[in-house]
Amino acid sequence: MSRIDLADGFSIHDYRSKLKLLKDSGETRTLENRDGLRCPACDAAFDRLFVTERRTATFDVPPERPFCLARTGDKLLLCTH
Protein backbone atom coordinates (compact mmCIF):
# COMPACT_ATOMS: atom_id res chain seq x y z
CA MET A 1 0.00 0.00 0.00
CA SER A 2 1.24 3.44 -0.84
CA ARG A 3 0.61 6.63 1.07
CA ILE A 4 -0.75 9.87 -0.38
CA ASP A 5 2.26 12.16 -0.57
CA LEU A 6 1.56 15.87 -0.05
CA ALA A 7 5.17 17.08 -0.27
CA ASP A 8 4.54 18.72 -3.66
CA GLY A 9 0.82 19.39 -3.19
CA PHE A 10 -1.93 16.99 -4.25
CA SER A 11 -3.16 16.00 -7.71
CA ILE A 12 -5.92 13.44 -8.18
CA HIS A 13 -4.23 12.49 -11.46
CA ASP A 14 -1.25 11.07 -9.54
CA TYR A 15 -3.58 8.52 -7.92
CA ARG A 16 -6.22 8.03 -10.65
CA SER A 17 -5.65 4.27 -10.90
CA LYS A 18 -6.24 3.85 -7.14
CA LEU A 19 -9.18 6.23 -6.60
CA LYS A 20 -12.65 6.12 -8.16
CA LEU A 21 -14.37 9.47 -8.69
CA LEU A 22 -17.83 9.37 -7.10
CA LYS A 23 -18.85 13.03 -7.27
CA ASP A 24 -17.38 16.15 -8.88
CA SER A 25 -18.89 19.62 -8.51
CA GLY A 26 -15.95 21.42 -10.08
CA GLU A 27 -14.68 22.80 -6.76
CA THR A 28 -15.07 19.65 -4.67
CA ARG A 29 -14.57 15.97 -5.39
CA THR A 30 -15.47 12.80 -3.51
CA LEU A 31 -13.45 9.69 -4.29
CA GLU A 32 -13.45 6.05 -3.20
CA ASN A 33 -10.18 4.43 -2.20
CA ARG A 34 -10.03 1.28 -4.34
CA ASP A 35 -6.45 0.21 -3.72
CA GLY A 36 -5.74 0.61 -0.01
CA LEU A 37 -4.02 3.98 -0.22
CA ARG A 38 -2.90 5.22 3.18
CA CYS A 39 -3.99 8.50 4.73
CA PRO A 40 -1.48 11.38 4.58
CA ALA A 41 -2.35 12.33 8.20
CA CYS A 42 -2.41 9.04 10.15
CA ASP A 43 -0.89 6.54 7.66
CA ALA A 44 -3.87 4.12 7.94
CA ALA A 45 -5.97 2.98 4.98
CA PHE A 46 -9.07 5.13 4.39
CA ASP A 47 -12.43 4.57 2.67
CA ARG A 48 -13.35 7.89 1.08
CA LEU A 49 -11.49 11.06 0.20
CA PHE A 50 -13.07 14.49 -0.06
CA VAL A 51 -10.95 17.15 -1.79
CA THR A 52 -11.79 20.82 -2.12
CA GLU A 53 -10.05 23.95 -3.29
CA ARG A 54 -12.63 26.13 -1.56
CA ARG A 55 -11.63 27.98 1.60
CA THR A 56 -14.66 26.59 3.46
CA ALA A 57 -16.68 23.38 3.32
CA THR A 58 -19.99 22.32 4.83
CA PHE A 59 -21.11 18.74 5.31
CA ASP A 60 -24.79 17.79 5.53
CA VAL A 61 -24.09 14.77 7.71
CA PRO A 62 -20.92 14.38 9.74
CA PRO A 63 -19.06 11.10 9.27
CA GLU A 64 -20.02 8.46 11.84
CA ARG A 65 -16.47 7.14 11.87
CA PRO A 66 -13.02 8.59 12.43
CA PHE A 67 -11.72 11.10 9.89
CA CYS A 68 -8.48 12.95 9.24
CA LEU A 69 -7.76 16.34 7.67
CA ALA A 70 -4.71 17.24 5.61
CA ARG A 71 -3.92 20.52 3.88
CA THR A 72 -1.74 21.54 0.98
CA GLY A 73 -1.17 25.11 -0.16
CA ASP A 74 -4.37 25.12 -2.20
CA LYS A 75 -6.41 22.04 -1.18
CA LEU A 76 -8.12 20.59 1.87
CA LEU A 77 -8.37 16.79 2.07
CA LEU A 78 -10.70 14.88 4.37
CA CYS A 79 -10.20 11.12 4.67
CA THR A 80 -12.89 8.97 6.31
CA HIS A 81 -11.82 5.69 7.88
PDB file of N, CA and C in Angstrom:
ATOM      1  N   MET A   1       0.840  -1.188   0.000  1.00  0.00           N
ATOM      2  CA  MET A   1       0.000   0.000   0.000  1.00  0.00           C
ATOM      3  C   MET A   1       0.879   1.243   0.000  1.00  0.00           C
ATOM      4  N   SER A   2       0.496   2.181  -0.821  1.00  0.00           N
ATOM      5  CA  SER A   2       1.235   3.438  -0.837  1.00  0.00           C
ATOM      6  C   SER A   2       0.461   4.518  -0.077  1.00  0.00           C
ATOM      7  N   ARG A   3       1.179   5.525   0.292  1.00  0.00           N
ATOM      8  CA  ARG A   3       0.607   6.625   1.066  1.00  0.00           C
ATOM      9  C   ARG A   3       0.452   7.842   0.155  1.00  0.00           C
ATOM     10  N   ILE A   4      -0.600   8.623   0.357  1.00  0.00           N
ATOM     11  CA  ILE A   4      -0.754   9.867  -0.385  1.00  0.00           C
ATOM     12  C   ILE A   4       0.341  10.818   0.074  1.00  0.00           C
ATOM     13  N   ASP A   5       1.126  11.277  -0.867  1.00  0.00           N
ATOM     14  CA  ASP A   5       2.260  12.163  -0.575  1.00  0.00           C
ATOM     15  C   ASP A   5       1.855  13.600  -0.876  1.00  0.00           C
ATOM     16  N   LEU A   6       1.944  14.466   0.110  1.00  0.00           N
ATOM     17  CA  LEU A   6       1.559  15.870  -0.046  1.00  0.00           C
ATOM     18  C   LEU A   6       2.762  16.805  -0.143  1.00  0.00           C
ATOM     19  N   ALA A   7       3.954  16.257  -0.256  1.00  0.00           N
ATOM     20  CA  ALA A   7       5.169  17.077  -0.269  1.00  0.00           C
ATOM     21  C   ALA A   7       5.151  18.127  -1.377  1.00  0.00           C
ATOM     22  N   ASP A   8       4.604  17.784  -2.534  1.00  0.00           N
ATOM     23  CA  ASP A   8       4.539  18.723  -3.655  1.00  0.00           C
ATOM     24  C   ASP A   8       3.100  19.110  -3.977  1.00  0.00           C
ATOM     25  N   GLY A   9       2.231  19.114  -2.964  1.00  0.00           N
ATOM     26  CA  GLY A   9       0.816  19.387  -3.187  1.00  0.00           C
ATOM     27  C   GLY A   9       0.067  18.092  -3.426  1.00  0.00           C
ATOM     28  N   PHE A  10      -1.128  18.180  -3.991  1.00  0.00           N
ATOM     29  CA  PHE A  10      -1.926  16.990  -4.254  1.00  0.00           C
ATOM     30  C   PHE A  10      -2.597  17.121  -5.609  1.00  0.00           C
ATOM     31  N   SER A  11      -2.470  16.087  -6.425  1.00  0.00           N
ATOM     32  CA  SER A  11      -3.159  16.002  -7.706  1.00  0.00           C
ATOM     33  C   SER A  11      -3.865  14.655  -7.777  1.00  0.00           C
ATOM     34  N   ILE A  12      -5.154  14.685  -8.038  1.00  0.00           N
ATOM     35  CA  ILE A  12      -5.916  13.437  -8.180  1.00  0.00           C
ATOM     36  C   ILE A  12      -5.317  12.582  -9.288  1.00  0.00           C
ATOM     37  N   HIS A  13      -4.780  13.220 -10.318  1.00  0.00           N
ATOM     38  CA  HIS A  13      -4.228  12.489 -11.459  1.00  0.00           C
ATOM     39  C   HIS A  13      -3.073  11.572 -11.068  1.00  0.00           C
ATOM     40  N   ASP A  14      -2.348  11.920 -10.008  1.00  0.00           N
ATOM     41  CA  ASP A  14      -1.250  11.068  -9.544  1.00  0.00           C
ATOM     42  C   ASP A  14      -1.755   9.742  -8.975  1.00  0.00           C
ATOM     43  N   TYR A  15      -3.021   9.696  -8.575  1.00  0.00           N
ATOM     44  CA  TYR A  15      -3.584   8.517  -7.915  1.00  0.00           C
ATOM     45  C   TYR A  15      -4.806   7.975  -8.666  1.00  0.00           C
ATOM     46  N   ARG A  16      -4.986   8.366  -9.920  1.00  0.00           N
ATOM     47  CA  ARG A  16      -6.216   8.032 -10.650  1.00  0.00           C
ATOM     48  C   ARG A  16      -6.466   6.539 -10.795  1.00  0.00           C
ATOM     49  N   SER A  17      -5.439   5.722 -10.778  1.00  0.00           N
ATOM     50  CA  SER A  17      -5.651   4.274 -10.898  1.00  0.00           C
ATOM     51  C   SER A  17      -6.063   3.647  -9.564  1.00  0.00           C
ATOM     52  N   LYS A  18      -5.932   4.391  -8.462  1.00  0.00           N
ATOM     53  CA  LYS A  18      -6.243   3.855  -7.139  1.00  0.00           C
ATOM     54  C   LYS A  18      -7.508   4.448  -6.532  1.00  0.00           C
ATOM     55  N   LEU A  19      -7.995   5.547  -7.110  1.00  0.00           N
ATOM     56  CA  LEU A  19      -9.181   6.230  -6.599  1.00  0.00           C
ATOM     57  C   LEU A  19     -10.271   6.244  -7.660  1.00  0.00           C
ATOM     58  N   LYS A  20     -11.512   6.041  -7.234  1.00  0.00           N
ATOM     59  CA  LYS A  20     -12.646   6.124  -8.157  1.00  0.00           C
ATOM     60  C   LYS A  20     -13.430   7.393  -7.843  1.00  0.00           C
ATOM     61  N   LEU A  21     -13.608   8.236  -8.850  1.00  0.00           N
ATOM     62  CA  LEU A  21     -14.368   9.465  -8.687  1.00  0.00           C
ATOM     63  C   LEU A  21     -15.841   9.139  -8.504  1.00  0.00           C
ATOM     64  N   LEU A  22     -16.418   9.588  -7.386  1.00  0.00           N
ATOM     65  CA  LEU A  22     -17.829   9.367  -7.098  1.00  0.00           C
ATOM     66  C   LEU A  22     -18.668  10.612  -7.380  1.00  0.00           C
ATOM     67  N   LYS A  23     -18.101  11.783  -7.114  1.00  0.00           N
ATOM     68  CA  LYS A  23     -18.845  13.033  -7.271  1.00  0.00           C
ATOM     69  C   LYS A  23     -17.867  14.159  -7.569  1.00  0.00           C
ATOM     70  N   ASP A  24     -18.234  15.038  -8.504  1.00  0.00           N
ATOM     71  CA  ASP A  24     -17.381  16.155  -8.877  1.00  0.00           C
ATOM     72  C   ASP A  24     -18.254  17.369  -9.155  1.00  0.00           C
ATOM     73  N   SER A  25     -18.111  18.401  -8.320  1.00  0.00           N
ATOM     74  CA  SER A  25     -18.894  19.619  -8.514  1.00  0.00           C
ATOM     75  C   SER A  25     -18.072  20.721  -9.178  1.00  0.00           C
ATOM     76  N   GLY A  26     -16.849  20.418  -9.523  1.00  0.00           N
ATOM     77  CA  GLY A  26     -15.948  21.424 -10.078  1.00  0.00           C
ATOM     78  C   GLY A  26     -14.995  21.968  -9.034  1.00  0.00           C
ATOM     79  N   GLU A  27     -15.518  22.289  -7.846  1.00  0.00           N
ATOM     80  CA  GLU A  27     -14.676  22.799  -6.764  1.00  0.00           C
ATOM     81  C   GLU A  27     -14.418  21.756  -5.691  1.00  0.00           C
ATOM     82  N   THR A  28     -15.248  20.728  -5.650  1.00  0.00           N
ATOM     83  CA  THR A  28     -15.074  19.652  -4.675  1.00  0.00           C
ATOM     84  C   THR A  28     -15.212  18.306  -5.376  1.00  0.00           C
ATOM     85  N   ARG A  29     -14.514  17.319  -4.834  1.00  0.00           N
ATOM     86  CA  ARG A  29     -14.570  15.967  -5.389  1.00  0.00           C
ATOM     87  C   ARG A  29     -14.631  14.963  -4.240  1.00  0.00           C
ATOM     88  N   THR A  30     -15.408  13.909  -4.448  1.00  0.00           N
ATOM     89  CA  THR A  30     -15.465  12.797  -3.510  1.00  0.00           C
ATOM     90  C   THR A  30     -14.988  11.563  -4.257  1.00  0.00           C
ATOM     91  N   LEU A  31     -14.048  10.844  -3.642  1.00  0.00           N
ATOM     92  CA  LEU A  31     -13.445   9.689  -4.293  1.00  0.00           C
ATOM     93  C   LEU A  31     -13.458   8.485  -3.361  1.00  0.00           C
ATOM     94  N   GLU A  32     -13.508   7.307  -3.945  1.00  0.00           N
ATOM     95  CA  GLU A  32     -13.445   6.054  -3.197  1.00  0.00           C
ATOM     96  C   GLU A  32     -12.041   5.488  -3.332  1.00  0.00           C
ATOM     97  N   ASN A  33     -11.499   5.039  -2.219  1.00  0.00           N
ATOM     98  CA  ASN A  33     -10.177   4.427  -2.196  1.00  0.00           C
ATOM     99  C   ASN A  33     -10.332   2.970  -2.628  1.00  0.00           C
ATOM    100  N   ARG A  34      -9.859   2.634  -3.802  1.00  0.00           N
ATOM    101  CA  ARG A  34     -10.029   1.284  -4.340  1.00  0.00           C
ATOM    102  C   ARG A  34      -8.786   0.418  -4.233  1.00  0.00           C
ATOM    103  N   ASP A  35      -7.694   0.975  -3.714  1.00  0.00           N
ATOM    104  CA  ASP A  35      -6.451   0.205  -3.720  1.00  0.00           C
ATOM    105  C   ASP A  35      -5.695   0.281  -2.396  1.00  0.00           C
ATOM    106  N   GLY A  36      -6.389   0.600  -1.317  1.00  0.00           N
ATOM    107  CA  GLY A  36      -5.741   0.605  -0.014  1.00  0.00           C
ATOM    108  C   GLY A  36      -4.744   1.718   0.214  1.00  0.00           C
ATOM    109  N   LEU A  37      -4.909   2.844  -0.488  1.00  0.00           N
ATOM    110  CA  LEU A  37      -4.025   3.985  -0.219  1.00  0.00           C
ATOM    111  C   LEU A  37      -4.080   4.336   1.259  1.00  0.00           C
ATOM    112  N   ARG A  38      -2.957   4.832   1.772  1.00  0.00           N
ATOM    113  CA  ARG A  38      -2.900   5.222   3.177  1.00  0.00           C
ATOM    114  C   ARG A  38      -3.082   6.733   3.311  1.00  0.00           C
ATOM    115  N   CYS A  39      -3.667   7.122   4.398  1.00  0.00           N
ATOM    116  CA  CYS A  39      -3.989   8.505   4.730  1.00  0.00           C
ATOM    117  C   CYS A  39      -2.707   9.327   4.912  1.00  0.00           C
ATOM    118  N   PRO A  40      -2.673  10.554   4.387  1.00  0.00           N
ATOM    119  CA  PRO A  40      -1.479  11.384   4.579  1.00  0.00           C
ATOM    120  C   PRO A  40      -1.334  11.891   6.015  1.00  0.00           C
ATOM    121  N   ALA A  41      -2.403  11.830   6.818  1.00  0.00           N
ATOM    122  CA  ALA A  41      -2.346  12.326   8.200  1.00  0.00           C
ATOM    123  C   ALA A  41      -1.960  11.236   9.194  1.00  0.00           C
ATOM    124  N   CYS A  42      -2.636  10.069   9.123  1.00  0.00           N
ATOM    125  CA  CYS A  42      -2.408   9.040  10.146  1.00  0.00           C
ATOM    126  C   CYS A  42      -1.744   7.776   9.612  1.00  0.00           C
ATOM    127  N   ASP A  43      -1.571   7.674   8.312  1.00  0.00           N
ATOM    128  CA  ASP A  43      -0.893   6.545   7.660  1.00  0.00           C
ATOM    129  C   ASP A  43      -1.709   5.252   7.662  1.00  0.00           C
ATOM    130  N   ALA A  44      -3.004   5.306   8.002  1.00  0.00           N
ATOM    131  CA  ALA A  44      -3.874   4.122   7.940  1.00  0.00           C
ATOM    132  C   ALA A  44      -4.678   4.175   6.638  1.00  0.00           C
ATOM    133  N   ALA A  45      -5.126   3.019   6.179  1.00  0.00           N
ATOM    134  CA  ALA A  45      -5.974   2.979   4.983  1.00  0.00           C
ATOM    135  C   ALA A  45      -7.269   3.749   5.264  1.00  0.00           C
ATOM    136  N   PHE A  46      -7.820   4.380   4.243  1.00  0.00           N
ATOM    137  CA  PHE A  46      -9.065   5.133   4.391  1.00  0.00           C
ATOM    138  C   PHE A  46     -10.074   4.639   3.362  1.00  0.00           C
ATOM    139  N   ASP A  47     -11.357   4.994   3.575  1.00  0.00           N
ATOM    140  CA  ASP A  47     -12.426   4.565   2.673  1.00  0.00           C
ATOM    141  C   ASP A  47     -12.707   5.597   1.581  1.00  0.00           C
ATOM    142  N   ARG A  48     -12.967   6.829   2.010  1.00  0.00           N
ATOM    143  CA  ARG A  48     -13.348   7.892   1.083  1.00  0.00           C
ATOM    144  C   ARG A  48     -12.438   9.094   1.270  1.00  0.00           C
ATOM    145  N   LEU A  49     -12.301   9.848   0.194  1.00  0.00           N
ATOM    146  CA  LEU A  49     -11.488  11.055   0.196  1.00  0.00           C
ATOM    147  C   LEU A  49     -12.313  12.196  -0.373  1.00  0.00           C
ATOM    148  N   PHE A  50     -12.406  13.274   0.374  1.00  0.00           N
ATOM    149  CA  PHE A  50     -13.069  14.489  -0.060  1.00  0.00           C
ATOM    150  C   PHE A  50     -11.978  15.526  -0.283  1.00  0.00           C
ATOM    151  N   VAL A  51     -11.965  16.153  -1.459  1.00  0.00           N
ATOM    152  CA  VAL A  51     -10.952  17.147  -1.789  1.00  0.00           C
ATOM    153  C   VAL A  51     -11.653  18.420  -2.237  1.00  0.00           C
ATOM    154  N   THR A  52     -11.224  19.546  -1.695  1.00  0.00           N
ATOM    155  CA  THR A  52     -11.790  20.822  -2.119  1.00  0.00           C
ATOM    156  C   THR A  52     -10.702  21.878  -2.231  1.00  0.00           C
ATOM    157  N   GLU A  53     -10.924  22.802  -3.149  1.00  0.00           N
ATOM    158  CA  GLU A  53     -10.046  23.955  -3.294  1.00  0.00           C
ATOM    159  C   GLU A  53     -10.704  25.188  -2.677  1.00  0.00           C
ATOM    160  N   ARG A  54     -11.926  25.035  -2.202  1.00  0.00           N
ATOM    161  CA  ARG A  54     -12.631  26.134  -1.557  1.00  0.00           C
ATOM    162  C   ARG A  54     -12.013  26.419  -0.194  1.00  0.00           C
ATOM    163  N   ARG A  55     -12.172  27.618   0.285  1.00  0.00           N
ATOM    164  CA  ARG A  55     -11.629  27.979   1.600  1.00  0.00           C
ATOM    165  C   ARG A  55     -12.480  27.434   2.730  1.00  0.00           C
ATOM    166  N   THR A  56     -13.762  27.141   2.453  1.00  0.00           N
ATOM    167  CA  THR A  56     -14.658  26.594   3.464  1.00  0.00           C
ATOM    168  C   THR A  56     -15.408  25.403   2.878  1.00  0.00           C
ATOM    169  N   ALA A  57     -15.890  24.541   3.752  1.00  0.00           N
ATOM    170  CA  ALA A  57     -16.682  23.381   3.317  1.00  0.00           C
ATOM    171  C   ALA A  57     -17.727  23.081   4.377  1.00  0.00           C
ATOM    172  N   THR A  58     -18.904  22.696   3.943  1.00  0.00           N
ATOM    173  CA  THR A  58     -19.994  22.323   4.832  1.00  0.00           C
ATOM    174  C   THR A  58     -20.428  20.905   4.489  1.00  0.00           C
ATOM    175  N   PHE A  59     -20.685  20.120   5.512  1.00  0.00           N
ATOM    176  CA  PHE A  59     -21.113  18.742   5.314  1.00  0.00           C
ATOM    177  C   PHE A  59     -22.511  18.581   5.880  1.00  0.00           C
ATOM    178  N   ASP A  60     -23.417  18.000   5.086  1.00  0.00           N
ATOM    179  CA  ASP A  60     -24.794  17.791   5.532  1.00  0.00           C
ATOM    180  C   ASP A  60     -24.865  16.842   6.723  1.00  0.00           C
ATOM    181  N   VAL A  61     -24.097  15.772   6.649  1.00  0.00           N
ATOM    182  CA  VAL A  61     -24.094  14.766   7.710  1.00  0.00           C
ATOM    183  C   VAL A  61     -22.647  14.502   8.094  1.00  0.00           C
ATOM    184  N   PRO A  62     -22.300  14.665   9.360  1.00  0.00           N
ATOM    185  CA  PRO A  62     -20.915  14.378   9.737  1.00  0.00           C
ATOM    186  C   PRO A  62     -20.632  12.874   9.635  1.00  0.00           C
ATOM    187  N   PRO A  63     -19.400  12.515   9.325  1.00  0.00           N
ATOM    188  CA  PRO A  63     -19.058  11.096   9.267  1.00  0.00           C
ATOM    189  C   PRO A  63     -19.292  10.426  10.628  1.00  0.00           C
ATOM    190  N   GLU A  64     -19.783   9.211  10.599  1.00  0.00           N
ATOM    191  CA  GLU A  64     -20.017   8.464  11.844  1.00  0.00           C
ATOM    192  C   GLU A  64     -18.826   7.594  12.196  1.00  0.00           C
ATOM    193  N   ARG A  65     -17.698   7.894  11.615  1.00  0.00           N
ATOM    194  CA  ARG A  65     -16.471   7.142  11.872  1.00  0.00           C
ATOM    195  C   ARG A  65     -15.317   8.127  11.937  1.00  0.00           C
ATOM    196  N   PRO A  66     -14.160   7.672  12.341  1.00  0.00           N
ATOM    197  CA  PRO A  66     -13.016   8.587  12.430  1.00  0.00           C
ATOM    198  C   PRO A  66     -12.698   9.223  11.070  1.00  0.00           C
ATOM    199  N   PHE A  67     -12.169  10.440  11.110  1.00  0.00           N
ATOM    200  CA  PHE A  67     -11.721  11.097   9.886  1.00  0.00           C
ATOM    201  C   PHE A  67     -10.471  11.905  10.183  1.00  0.00           C
ATOM    202  N   CYS A  68      -9.702  12.170   9.135  1.00  0.00           N
ATOM    203  CA  CYS A  68      -8.477  12.954   9.240  1.00  0.00           C
ATOM    204  C   CYS A  68      -8.539  14.095   8.235  1.00  0.00           C
ATOM    205  N   LEU A  69      -7.881  15.202   8.567  1.00  0.00           N
ATOM    206  CA  LEU A  69      -7.760  16.338   7.672  1.00  0.00           C
ATOM    207  C   LEU A  69      -6.292  16.534   7.318  1.00  0.00           C
ATOM    208  N   ALA A  70      -6.062  16.904   6.073  1.00  0.00           N
ATOM    209  CA  ALA A  70      -4.713  17.240   5.613  1.00  0.00           C
ATOM    210  C   ALA A  70      -4.844  18.443   4.688  1.00  0.00           C
ATOM    211  N   ARG A  71      -3.850  19.296   4.675  1.00  0.00           N
ATOM    212  CA  ARG A  71      -3.921  20.515   3.876  1.00  0.00           C
ATOM    213  C   ARG A  71      -2.664  20.682   3.056  1.00  0.00           C
ATOM    214  N   THR A  72      -2.857  21.109   1.813  1.00  0.00           N
ATOM    215  CA  THR A  72      -1.740  21.537   0.980  1.00  0.00           C
ATOM    216  C   THR A  72      -1.879  23.050   0.845  1.00  0.00           C
ATOM    217  N   GLY A  73      -1.066  23.662   0.029  1.00  0.00           N
ATOM    218  CA  GLY A  73      -1.169  25.106  -0.159  1.00  0.00           C
ATOM    219  C   GLY A  73      -2.491  25.552  -0.741  1.00  0.00           C
ATOM    220  N   ASP A  74      -3.133  24.703  -1.537  1.00  0.00           N
ATOM    221  CA  ASP A  74      -4.369  25.116  -2.202  1.00  0.00           C
ATOM    222  C   ASP A  74      -5.537  24.133  -2.045  1.00  0.00           C
ATOM    223  N   LYS A  75      -5.350  23.035  -1.312  1.00  0.00           N
ATOM    224  CA  LYS A  75      -6.415  22.042  -1.185  1.00  0.00           C
ATOM    225  C   LYS A  75      -6.570  21.580   0.254  1.00  0.00           C
ATOM    226  N   LEU A  76      -7.809  21.222   0.596  1.00  0.00           N
ATOM    227  CA  LEU A  76      -8.116  20.591   1.868  1.00  0.00           C
ATOM    228  C   LEU A  76      -8.575  19.176   1.561  1.00  0.00           C
ATOM    229  N   LEU A  77      -8.014  18.192   2.258  1.00  0.00           N
ATOM    230  CA  LEU A  77      -8.375  16.793   2.065  1.00  0.00           C
ATOM    231  C   LEU A  77      -8.974  16.252   3.353  1.00  0.00           C
ATOM    232  N   LEU A  78     -10.074  15.541   3.238  1.00  0.00           N
ATOM    233  CA  LEU A  78     -10.696  14.878   4.373  1.00  0.00           C
ATOM    234  C   LEU A  78     -10.784  13.394   4.029  1.00  0.00           C
ATOM    235  N   CYS A  79     -10.172  12.568   4.863  1.00  0.00           N
ATOM    236  CA  CYS A  79     -10.198  11.120   4.673  1.00  0.00           C
ATOM    237  C   CYS A  79     -11.093  10.511   5.739  1.00  0.00           C
ATOM    238  N   THR A  80     -12.073   9.690   5.334  1.00  0.00           N
ATOM    239  CA  THR A  80     -12.889   8.969   6.312  1.00  0.00           C
ATOM    240  C   THR A  80     -12.355   7.546   6.404  1.00  0.00           C
ATOM    241  N   HIS A  81     -12.370   7.036   7.634  1.00  0.00           N
ATOM    242  CA  HIS A  81     -11.818   5.690   7.880  1.00  0.00           C
ATOM    243  C   HIS A  81     -12.929   4.721   8.264  1.00  0.00           C
TER     244      HIS A  81
END
